[in-house]
């Protein structure tokens, strides 16, 4: 089981990701996400692309997703693509 932490698109959301990961009490593999456009201004944020990459990388594992703002949009797409693998979205 994995727990994914999907933030909003603001650079300030990096702190939210870090704090959420640090305070999480779970035996799951915790995967905080840091969006590329935070460090590369030429990178564009595309919710469909991010969802597709996540689906590809979880390789059949069950996941819980903690998300906010645009990360919630990504989470909902992931859930629609692999509903049998997504245990919860919060």
PDB file of N, CA and C in Angstrom:
ATOM      1  N   UNK A   1       0.848  -1.177   0.000  1.00  0.00           N
ATOM      2  CA  UNK A   1       0.000   0.000   0.000  1.00  0.00           C
ATOM      3  C   UNK A   1       0.891   1.237   0.000  1.00  0.00           C
ATOM      4  N   UNK A   2       0.459   2.226  -0.774  1.00  0.00           N
ATOM      5  CA  UNK A   2       1.174   3.500  -0.826  1.00  0.00           C
ATOM      6  C   UNK A   2       0.223   4.630  -0.430  1.00  0.00           C
ATOM      7  N   UNK A   3       0.778   5.655   0.159  1.00  0.00           N
ATOM      8  CA  UNK A   3       0.028   6.881   0.401  1.00  0.00           C
ATOM      9  C   UNK A   3       0.682   7.981  -0.418  1.00  0.00           C
ATOM     10  N   UNK A   4      -0.085   8.550  -1.334  1.00  0.00           N
ATOM     11  CA  UNK A   4       0.410   9.620  -2.199  1.00  0.00           C
ATOM     12  C   UNK A   4      -0.034  10.951  -1.622  1.00  0.00           C
ATOM     13  N   UNK A   5       0.863  11.926  -1.641  1.00  0.00           N
ATOM     14  CA  UNK A   5       0.534  13.273  -1.183  1.00  0.00           C
ATOM     15  C   UNK A   5       0.649  14.195  -2.381  1.00  0.00           C
ATOM     16  N   UNK A   6      -0.501  14.699  -2.840  1.00  0.00           N
ATOM     17  CA  UNK A   6      -0.569  15.515  -4.054  1.00  0.00           C
ATOM     18  C   UNK A   6      -0.954  16.948  -3.693  1.00  0.00           C
ATOM     19  N   UNK A   7      -0.028  17.883  -3.832  1.00  0.00           N
ATOM     20  CA  UNK A   7      -0.290  19.274  -3.455  1.00  0.00           C
ATOM     21  C   UNK A   7      -0.984  20.065  -4.551  1.00  0.00           C
ATOM     22  N   UNK A   8      -1.277  21.318  -4.208  1.00  0.00           N
ATOM     23  CA  UNK A   8      -1.714  22.277  -5.213  1.00  0.00           C
ATOM     24  C   UNK A   8      -0.514  22.708  -6.040  1.00  0.00           C
ATOM     25  N   UNK A   9      -0.719  23.670  -6.927  1.00  0.00           N
ATOM     26  CA  UNK A   9       0.370  24.050  -7.841  1.00  0.00           C
ATOM     27  C   UNK A   9       1.267  25.171  -7.329  1.00  0.00           C
ATOM     28  N   UNK A  10       0.872  25.815  -6.264  1.00  0.00           N
ATOM     29  CA  UNK A  10       1.669  26.914  -5.727  1.00  0.00           C
ATOM     30  C   UNK A  10       2.967  26.400  -5.114  1.00  0.00           C
ATOM     31  N   UNK A  11       4.050  27.143  -5.276  1.00  0.00           N
ATOM     32  CA  UNK A  11       5.334  26.771  -4.675  1.00  0.00           C
ATOM     33  C   UNK A  11       5.216  26.672  -3.151  1.00  0.00           C
ATOM     34  N   UNK A  12       4.321  27.455  -2.580  1.00  0.00           N
ATOM     35  CA  UNK A  12       4.118  27.425  -1.134  1.00  0.00           C
ATOM     36  C   UNK A  12       3.552  26.080  -0.669  1.00  0.00           C
ATOM     37  N   UNK A  13       2.951  25.328  -1.589  1.00  0.00           N
ATOM     38  CA  UNK A  13       2.399  24.025  -1.230  1.00  0.00           C
ATOM     39  C   UNK A  13       3.481  23.005  -0.917  1.00  0.00           C
ATOM     40  N   UNK A  14       4.737  23.293  -1.234  1.00  0.00           N
ATOM     41  CA  UNK A  14       5.837  22.396  -0.891  1.00  0.00           C
ATOM     42  C   UNK A  14       5.894  22.221   0.620  1.00  0.00           C
ATOM     43  N   UNK A  15       5.689  23.295   1.364  1.00  0.00           N
ATOM     44  CA  UNK A  15       5.682  23.195   2.826  1.00  0.00           C
ATOM     45  C   UNK A  15       4.566  22.281   3.306  1.00  0.00           C
ATOM     46  N   UNK A  16       3.392  22.370   2.669  1.00  0.00           N
ATOM     47  CA  UNK A  16       2.266  21.508   3.029  1.00  0.00           C
ATOM     48  C   UNK A  16       2.626  20.041   2.787  1.00  0.00           C
ATOM     49  N   UNK A  17       3.258  19.757   1.653  1.00  0.00           N
ATOM     50  CA  UNK A  17       3.674  18.386   1.333  1.00  0.00           C
ATOM     51  C   UNK A  17       4.637  17.872   2.407  1.00  0.00           C
ATOM     52  N   UNK A  18       5.643  18.682   2.719  1.00  0.00           N
ATOM     53  CA  UNK A  18       6.647  18.264   3.697  1.00  0.00           C
ATOM     54  C   UNK A  18       6.023  18.013   5.068  1.00  0.00           C
ATOM     55  N   UNK A  19       5.190  18.924   5.525  1.00  0.00           N
ATOM     56  CA  UNK A  19       4.549  18.787   6.835  1.00  0.00           C
ATOM     57  C   UNK A  19       3.599  17.592   6.878  1.00  0.00           C
ATOM     58  N   UNK A  20       2.840  17.406   5.814  1.00  0.00           N
ATOM     59  CA  UNK A  20       1.909  16.280   5.757  1.00  0.00           C
ATOM     60  C   UNK A  20       2.664  14.961   5.810  1.00  0.00           C
ATOM     61  N   UNK A  21       3.719  14.841   5.034  1.00  0.00           N
ATOM     62  CA  UNK A  21       4.522  13.615   5.019  1.00  0.00           C
ATOM     63  C   UNK A  21       5.153  13.368   6.390  1.00  0.00           C
ATOM     64  N   UNK A  22       5.663  14.414   6.995  1.00  0.00           N
ATOM     65  CA  UNK A  22       6.333  14.291   8.292  1.00  0.00           C
ATOM     66  C   UNK A  22       5.365  13.854   9.392  1.00  0.00           C
ATOM     67  N   UNK A  23       4.141  14.348   9.347  1.00  0.00           N
ATOM     68  CA  UNK A  23       3.177  14.085  10.411  1.00  0.00           C
ATOM     69  C   UNK A  23       2.307  12.855  10.178  1.00  0.00           C
ATOM     70  N   UNK A  24       2.479  12.213   9.054  1.00  0.00           N
ATOM     71  CA  UNK A  24       1.650  11.055   8.722  1.00  0.00           C
ATOM     72  C   UNK A  24       2.042   9.847   9.567  1.00  0.00           C
ATOM     73  N   UNK A  25       1.045   9.238  10.174  1.00  0.00           N
ATOM     74  CA  UNK A  25       1.268   8.036  10.986  1.00  0.00           C
ATOM     75  C   UNK A  25       0.727   6.850  10.200  1.00  0.00           C
ATOM     76  N   UNK A  26       1.600   6.171   9.470  1.00  0.00           N
ATOM     77  CA  UNK A  26       1.182   5.044   8.648  1.00  0.00           C
ATOM     78  C   UNK A  26       2.355   4.104   8.413  1.00  0.00           C
ATOM     79  N   UNK A  27       2.029   2.868   8.134  1.00  0.00           N
ATOM     80  CA  UNK A  27       3.052   1.897   7.743  1.00  0.00           C
ATOM     81  C   UNK A  27       3.170   1.811   6.226  1.00  0.00           C
ATOM     82  N   UNK A  28       2.340   2.587   5.517  1.00  0.00           N
ATOM     83  CA  UNK A  28       2.379   2.617   4.059  1.00  0.00           C
ATOM     84  C   UNK A  28       3.684   3.241   3.567  1.00  0.00           C
ATOM     85  N   UNK A  29       4.005   2.979   2.316  1.00  0.00           N
ATOM     86  CA  UNK A  29       5.060   3.734   1.640  1.00  0.00           C
ATOM     87  C   UNK A  29       4.476   5.113   1.380  1.00  0.00           C
ATOM     88  N   UNK A  30       5.135   6.165   1.839  1.00  0.00           N
ATOM     89  CA  UNK A  30       4.643   7.531   1.664  1.00  0.00           C
ATOM     90  C   UNK A  30       5.379   8.167   0.493  1.00  0.00           C
ATOM     91  N   UNK A  31       4.604   8.663  -0.468  1.00  0.00           N
ATOM     92  CA  UNK A  31       5.180   9.285  -1.660  1.00  0.00           C
ATOM     93  C   UNK A  31       4.687  10.728  -1.787  1.00  0.00           C
ATOM     94  N   UNK A  32       5.475  11.670  -1.273  1.00  0.00           N
ATOM     95  CA  UNK A  32       5.128  13.075  -1.468  1.00  0.00           C
ATOM     96  C   UNK A  32       5.501  13.494  -2.887  1.00  0.00           C
ATOM     97  N   UNK A  33       4.656  14.287  -3.513  1.00  0.00           N
ATOM     98  CA  UNK A  33       4.915  14.745  -4.875  1.00  0.00           C
ATOM     99  C   UNK A  33       5.331  16.211  -4.868  1.00  0.00           C
ATOM    100  N   UNK A  34       6.376  16.494  -5.642  1.00  0.00           N
ATOM    101  CA  UNK A  34       6.884  17.848  -5.826  1.00  0.00           C
ATOM    102  C   UNK A  34       6.798  18.142  -7.315  1.00  0.00           C
ATOM    103  N   UNK A  35       5.988  19.101  -7.689  1.00  0.00           N
ATOM    104  CA  UNK A  35       5.750  19.376  -9.110  1.00  0.00           C
ATOM    105  C   UNK A  35       6.963  20.029  -9.758  1.00  0.00           C
ATOM    106  N   UNK A  36       7.258  19.594 -10.974  1.00  0.00           N
ATOM    107  CA  UNK A  36       8.426  20.050 -11.721  1.00  0.00           C
ATOM    108  C   UNK A  36       8.431  21.576 -11.932  1.00  0.00           C
ATOM    109  N   UNK A  37       7.262  22.158 -12.150  1.00  0.00           N
ATOM    110  CA  UNK A  37       7.238  23.597 -12.447  1.00  0.00           C
ATOM    111  C   UNK A  37       7.657  24.451 -11.247  1.00  0.00           C
ATOM    112  N   UNK A  38       7.759  23.846 -10.063  1.00  0.00           N
ATOM    113  CA  UNK A  38       8.243  24.600  -8.910  1.00  0.00           C
ATOM    114  C   UNK A  38       9.704  24.990  -9.085  1.00  0.00           C
ATOM    115  N   UNK A  39      10.462  24.182  -9.807  1.00  0.00           N
ATOM    116  CA  UNK A  39      11.888  24.473  -9.994  1.00  0.00           C
ATOM    117  C   UNK A  39      12.248  24.772 -11.446  1.00  0.00           C
ATOM    118  N   UNK A  40      11.352  24.457 -12.371  1.00  0.00           N
ATOM    119  CA  UNK A  40      11.613  24.691 -13.794  1.00  0.00           C
ATOM    120  C   UNK A  40      10.457  25.502 -14.370  1.00  0.00           C
ATOM    121  N   UNK A  41      10.677  26.792 -14.538  1.00  0.00           N
ATOM    122  CA  UNK A  41       9.594  27.673 -14.985  1.00  0.00           C
ATOM    123  C   UNK A  41       9.120  27.360 -16.410  1.00  0.00           C
ATOM    124  N   UNK A  42       9.884  26.583 -17.161  1.00  0.00           N
ATOM    125  CA  UNK A  42       9.465  26.194 -18.508  1.00  0.00           C
ATOM    126  C   UNK A  42       8.547  24.978 -18.504  1.00  0.00           C
ATOM    127  N   UNK A  43       8.443  24.309 -17.364  1.00  0.00           N
ATOM    128  CA  UNK A  43       7.599  23.134 -17.241  1.00  0.00           C
ATOM    129  C   UNK A  43       6.152  23.568 -16.999  1.00  0.00           C
ATOM    130  N   UNK A  44       5.224  22.918 -17.686  1.00  0.00           N
ATOM    131  CA  UNK A  44       3.800  23.232 -17.523  1.00  0.00           C
ATOM    132  C   UNK A  44       3.151  22.154 -16.665  1.00  0.00           C
ATOM    133  N   UNK A  45       2.156  22.573 -15.891  1.00  0.00           N
ATOM    134  CA  UNK A  45       1.419  21.631 -15.053  1.00  0.00           C
ATOM    135  C   UNK A  45       0.186  21.182 -15.818  1.00  0.00           C
ATOM    136  N   UNK A  46       0.095  19.884 -16.069  1.00  0.00           N
ATOM    137  CA  UNK A  46      -1.024  19.307 -16.806  1.00  0.00           C
ATOM    138  C   UNK A  46      -1.606  18.176 -15.965  1.00  0.00           C
ATOM    139  N   UNK A  47      -2.840  18.341 -15.488  1.00  0.00           N
ATOM    140  CA  UNK A  47      -3.426  17.349 -14.580  1.00  0.00           C
ATOM    141  C   UNK A  47      -3.535  15.971 -15.223  1.00  0.00           C
ATOM    142  N   UNK A  48      -3.885  15.914 -16.505  1.00  0.00           N
ATOM    143  CA  UNK A  48      -3.991  14.618 -17.191  1.00  0.00           C
ATOM    144  C   UNK A  48      -2.631  13.920 -17.262  1.00  0.00           C
ATOM    145  N   UNK A  49      -1.610  14.689 -17.600  1.00  0.00           N
ATOM    146  CA  UNK A  49      -0.266  14.123 -17.683  1.00  0.00           C
ATOM    147  C   UNK A  49       0.190  13.604 -16.324  1.00  0.00           C
ATOM    148  N   UNK A  50      -0.025  14.400 -15.270  1.00  0.00           N
ATOM    149  CA  UNK A  50       0.390  13.983 -13.924  1.00  0.00           C
ATOM    150  C   UNK A  50      -0.344  12.718 -13.505  1.00  0.00           C
ATOM    151  N   UNK A  51      -1.643  12.656 -13.764  1.00  0.00           N
ATOM    152  CA  UNK A  51      -2.431  11.471 -13.408  1.00  0.00           C
ATOM    153  C   UNK A  51      -1.913  10.245 -14.152  1.00  0.00           C
ATOM    154  N   UNK A  52      -1.630  10.383 -15.425  1.00  0.00           N
ATOM    155  CA  UNK A  52      -1.113   9.280 -16.219  1.00  0.00           C
ATOM    156  C   UNK A  52       0.216   8.765 -15.703  1.00  0.00           C
ATOM    157  N   UNK A  53       1.101   9.683 -15.316  1.00  0.00           N
ATOM    158  CA  UNK A  53       2.403   9.285 -14.778  1.00  0.00           C
ATOM    159  C   UNK A  53       2.250   8.552 -13.448  1.00  0.00           C
ATOM    160  N   UNK A  54       1.332   9.030 -12.623  1.00  0.00           N
ATOM    161  CA  UNK A  54       1.102   8.378 -11.327  1.00  0.00           C
ATOM    162  C   UNK A  54       0.582   6.961 -11.534  1.00  0.00           C
ATOM    163  N   UNK A  55      -0.401   6.805 -12.403  1.00  0.00           N
ATOM    164  CA  UNK A  55      -0.961   5.478 -12.684  1.00  0.00           C
ATOM    165  C   UNK A  55       0.142   4.536 -13.156  1.00  0.00           C
ATOM    166  N   UNK A  56       1.001   5.022 -14.027  1.00  0.00           N
ATOM    167  CA  UNK A  56       2.099   4.212 -14.567  1.00  0.00           C
ATOM    168  C   UNK A  56       3.078   3.783 -13.469  1.00  0.00           C
ATOM    169  N   UNK A  57       3.349   4.669 -12.537  1.00  0.00           N
ATOM    170  CA  UNK A  57       4.366   4.393 -11.525  1.00  0.00           C
ATOM    171  C   UNK A  57       3.885   3.581 -10.328  1.00  0.00           C
ATOM    172  N   UNK A  58       2.594   3.533 -10.067  1.00  0.00           N
ATOM    173  CA  UNK A  58       2.154   2.749  -8.906  1.00  0.00           C
ATOM    174  C   UNK A  58       2.028   1.264  -9.216  1.00  0.00           C
ATOM    175  N   UNK A  59       2.046   0.910 -10.490  1.00  0.00           N
ATOM    176  CA  UNK A  59       2.179  -0.480 -10.947  1.00  0.00           C
ATOM    177  C   UNK A  59       1.296  -1.482 -10.209  1.00  0.00           C
ATOM    178  N   UNK A  60       0.033  -1.221 -10.115  1.00  0.00           N
ATOM    179  CA  UNK A  60      -0.888  -2.192  -9.544  1.00  0.00           C
ATOM    180  C   UNK A  60      -1.055  -2.141  -8.040  1.00  0.00           C
ATOM    181  N   UNK A  61      -0.278  -1.326  -7.338  1.00  0.00           N
ATOM    182  CA  UNK A  61      -0.412  -1.212  -5.885  1.00  0.00           C
ATOM    183  C   UNK A  61      -1.721  -0.516  -5.513  1.00  0.00           C
ATOM    184  N   UNK A  62      -2.196  -0.802  -4.331  1.00  0.00           N
ATOM    185  CA  UNK A  62      -3.315  -0.056  -3.757  1.00  0.00           C
ATOM    186  C   UNK A  62      -2.760   1.247  -3.211  1.00  0.00           C
ATOM    187  N   UNK A  63      -3.566   2.323  -3.293  1.00  0.00           N
ATOM    188  CA  UNK A  63      -3.101   3.619  -2.816  1.00  0.00           C
ATOM    189  C   UNK A  63      -4.185   4.353  -2.033  1.00  0.00           C
ATOM    190  N   UNK A  64      -3.722   5.123  -1.062  1.00  0.00           N
ATOM    191  CA  UNK A  64      -4.513   6.161  -0.427  1.00  0.00           C
ATOM    192  C   UNK A  64      -3.942   7.462  -0.962  1.00  0.00           C
ATOM    193  N   UNK A  65      -4.798   8.438  -1.176  1.00  0.00           N
ATOM    194  CA  UNK A  65      -4.316   9.717  -1.703  1.00  0.00           C
ATOM    195  C   UNK A  65      -4.767  10.837  -0.781  1.00  0.00           C
ATOM    196  N   UNK A  66      -3.804  11.661  -0.379  1.00  0.00           N
ATOM    197  CA  UNK A  66      -4.080  12.881   0.367  1.00  0.00           C
ATOM    198  C   UNK A  66      -3.779  14.012  -0.606  1.00  0.00           C
ATOM    199  N   UNK A  67      -4.755  14.887  -0.834  1.00  0.00           N
ATOM    200  CA  UNK A  67      -4.562  15.914  -1.859  1.00  0.00           C
ATOM    201  C   UNK A  67      -5.237  17.219  -1.476  1.00  0.00           C
ATOM    202  N   UNK A  68      -4.769  18.280  -2.108  1.00  0.00           N
ATOM    203  CA  UNK A  68      -5.420  19.583  -1.967  1.00  0.00           C
ATOM    204  C   UNK A  68      -5.357  20.326  -3.294  1.00  0.00           C
ATOM    205  N   UNK A  69      -6.316  21.197  -3.482  1.00  0.00           N
ATOM    206  CA  UNK A  69      -6.378  22.058  -4.655  1.00  0.00           C
ATOM    207  C   UNK A  69      -6.215  21.267  -5.958  1.00  0.00           C
ATOM    208  N   UNK A  70      -5.263  21.644  -6.800  1.00  0.00           N
ATOM    209  CA  UNK A  70      -5.080  20.964  -8.087  1.00  0.00           C
ATOM    210  C   UNK A  70      -4.669  19.505  -7.914  1.00  0.00           C
ATOM    211  N   UNK A  71      -4.029  19.196  -6.816  1.00  0.00           N
ATOM    212  CA  UNK A  71      -3.692  17.809  -6.522  1.00  0.00           C
ATOM    213  C   UNK A  71      -4.940  16.943  -6.394  1.00  0.00           C
ATOM    214  N   UNK A  72      -6.029  17.546  -5.928  1.00  0.00           N
ATOM    215  CA  UNK A  72      -7.295  16.819  -5.839  1.00  0.00           C
ATOM    216  C   UNK A  72      -7.849  16.512  -7.226  1.00  0.00           C
ATOM    217  N   UNK A  73      -7.642  17.425  -8.156  1.00  0.00           N
ATOM    218  CA  UNK A  73      -8.041  17.153  -9.544  1.00  0.00           C
ATOM    219  C   UNK A  73      -7.265  15.952 -10.089  1.00  0.00           C
ATOM    220  N   UNK A  74      -5.967  15.925  -9.836  1.00  0.00           N
ATOM    221  CA  UNK A  74      -5.139  14.801 -10.271  1.00  0.00           C
ATOM    222  C   UNK A  74      -5.636  13.518  -9.605  1.00  0.00           C
ATOM    223  N   UNK A  75      -5.908  13.573  -8.308  1.00  0.00           N
ATOM    224  CA  UNK A  75      -6.377  12.396  -7.565  1.00  0.00           C
ATOM    225  C   UNK A  75      -7.678  11.853  -8.141  1.00  0.00           C
ATOM    226  N   UNK A  76      -8.591  12.722  -8.490  1.00  0.00           N
ATOM    227  CA  UNK A  76      -9.877  12.282  -9.038  1.00  0.00           C
ATOM    228  C   UNK A  76      -9.700  11.613 -10.405  1.00  0.00           C
ATOM    229  N   UNK A  77      -8.778  12.107 -11.196  1.00  0.00           N
ATOM    230  CA  UNK A  77      -8.501  11.468 -12.490  1.00  0.00           C
ATOM    231  C   UNK A  77      -7.870  10.095 -12.260  1.00  0.00           C
ATOM    232  N   UNK A  78      -6.918  10.025 -11.341  1.00  0.00           N
ATOM    233  CA  UNK A  78      -6.299   8.731 -11.017  1.00  0.00           C
ATOM    234  C   UNK A  78      -7.381   7.745 -10.580  1.00  0.00           C
ATOM    235  N   UNK A  79      -8.276   8.203  -9.716  1.00  0.00           N
ATOM    236  CA  UNK A  79      -9.355   7.328  -9.230  1.00  0.00           C
ATOM    237  C   UNK A  79     -10.255   6.864 -10.371  1.00  0.00           C
ATOM    238  N   UNK A  80     -10.510   7.738 -11.333  1.00  0.00           N
ATOM    239  CA  UNK A  80     -11.363   7.343 -12.460  1.00  0.00           C
ATOM    240  C   UNK A  80     -10.658   6.349 -13.388  1.00  0.00           C
ATOM    241  N   UNK A  81      -9.326   6.416 -13.448  1.00  0.00           N
ATOM    242  CA  UNK A  81      -8.555   5.519 -14.315  1.00  0.00           C
ATOM    243  C   UNK A  81      -8.341   4.141 -13.693  1.00  0.00           C
ATOM    244  N   UNK A  82      -8.147   4.109 -12.373  1.00  0.00           N
ATOM    245  CA  UNK A  82      -7.878   2.834 -11.690  1.00  0.00           C
ATOM    246  C   UNK A  82      -8.680   2.753 -10.379  1.00  0.00           C
ATOM    247  N   UNK A  83     -10.001   2.761 -10.475  1.00  0.00           N
ATOM    248  CA  UNK A  83     -10.820   2.799  -9.252  1.00  0.00           C
ATOM    249  C   UNK A  83     -10.596   1.621  -8.315  1.00  0.00           C
ATOM    250  N   UNK A  84     -10.210   0.473  -8.852  1.00  0.00           N
ATOM    251  CA  UNK A  84     -10.000  -0.704  -8.015  1.00  0.00           C
ATOM    252  C   UNK A  84      -8.734  -0.607  -7.164  1.00  0.00           C
ATOM    253  N   UNK A  85      -7.841   0.313  -7.494  1.00  0.00           N
ATOM    254  CA  UNK A  85      -6.594   0.468  -6.755  1.00  0.00           C
ATOM    255  C   UNK A  85      -6.636   1.610  -5.752  1.00  0.00           C
ATOM    256  N   UNK A  86      -7.547   2.554  -5.927  1.00  0.00           N
ATOM    257  CA  UNK A  86      -7.616   3.720  -5.046  1.00  0.00           C
ATOM    258  C   UNK A  86      -8.532   3.402  -3.866  1.00  0.00           C
ATOM    259  N   UNK A  87      -7.936   3.275  -2.703  1.00  0.00           N
ATOM    260  CA  UNK A  87      -8.678   2.941  -1.493  1.00  0.00           C
ATOM    261  C   UNK A  87      -9.431   4.160  -0.975  1.00  0.00           C
ATOM    262  N   UNK A  88      -8.744   5.318  -0.923  1.00  0.00           N
ATOM    263  CA  UNK A  88      -9.398   6.534  -0.444  1.00  0.00           C
ATOM    264  C   UNK A  88      -8.714   7.771  -1.018  1.00  0.00           C
ATOM    265  N   UNK A  89      -9.506   8.839  -1.078  1.00  0.00           N
ATOM    266  CA  UNK A  89      -9.003  10.164  -1.460  1.00  0.00           C
ATOM    267  C   UNK A  89      -9.470  11.122  -0.383  1.00  0.00           C
ATOM    268  N   UNK A  90      -8.523  11.814   0.215  1.00  0.00           N
ATOM    269  CA  UNK A  90      -8.846  12.770   1.292  1.00  0.00           C
ATOM    270  C   UNK A  90      -8.261  14.116   0.945  1.00  0.00           C
TER     271      UNK A  90
END
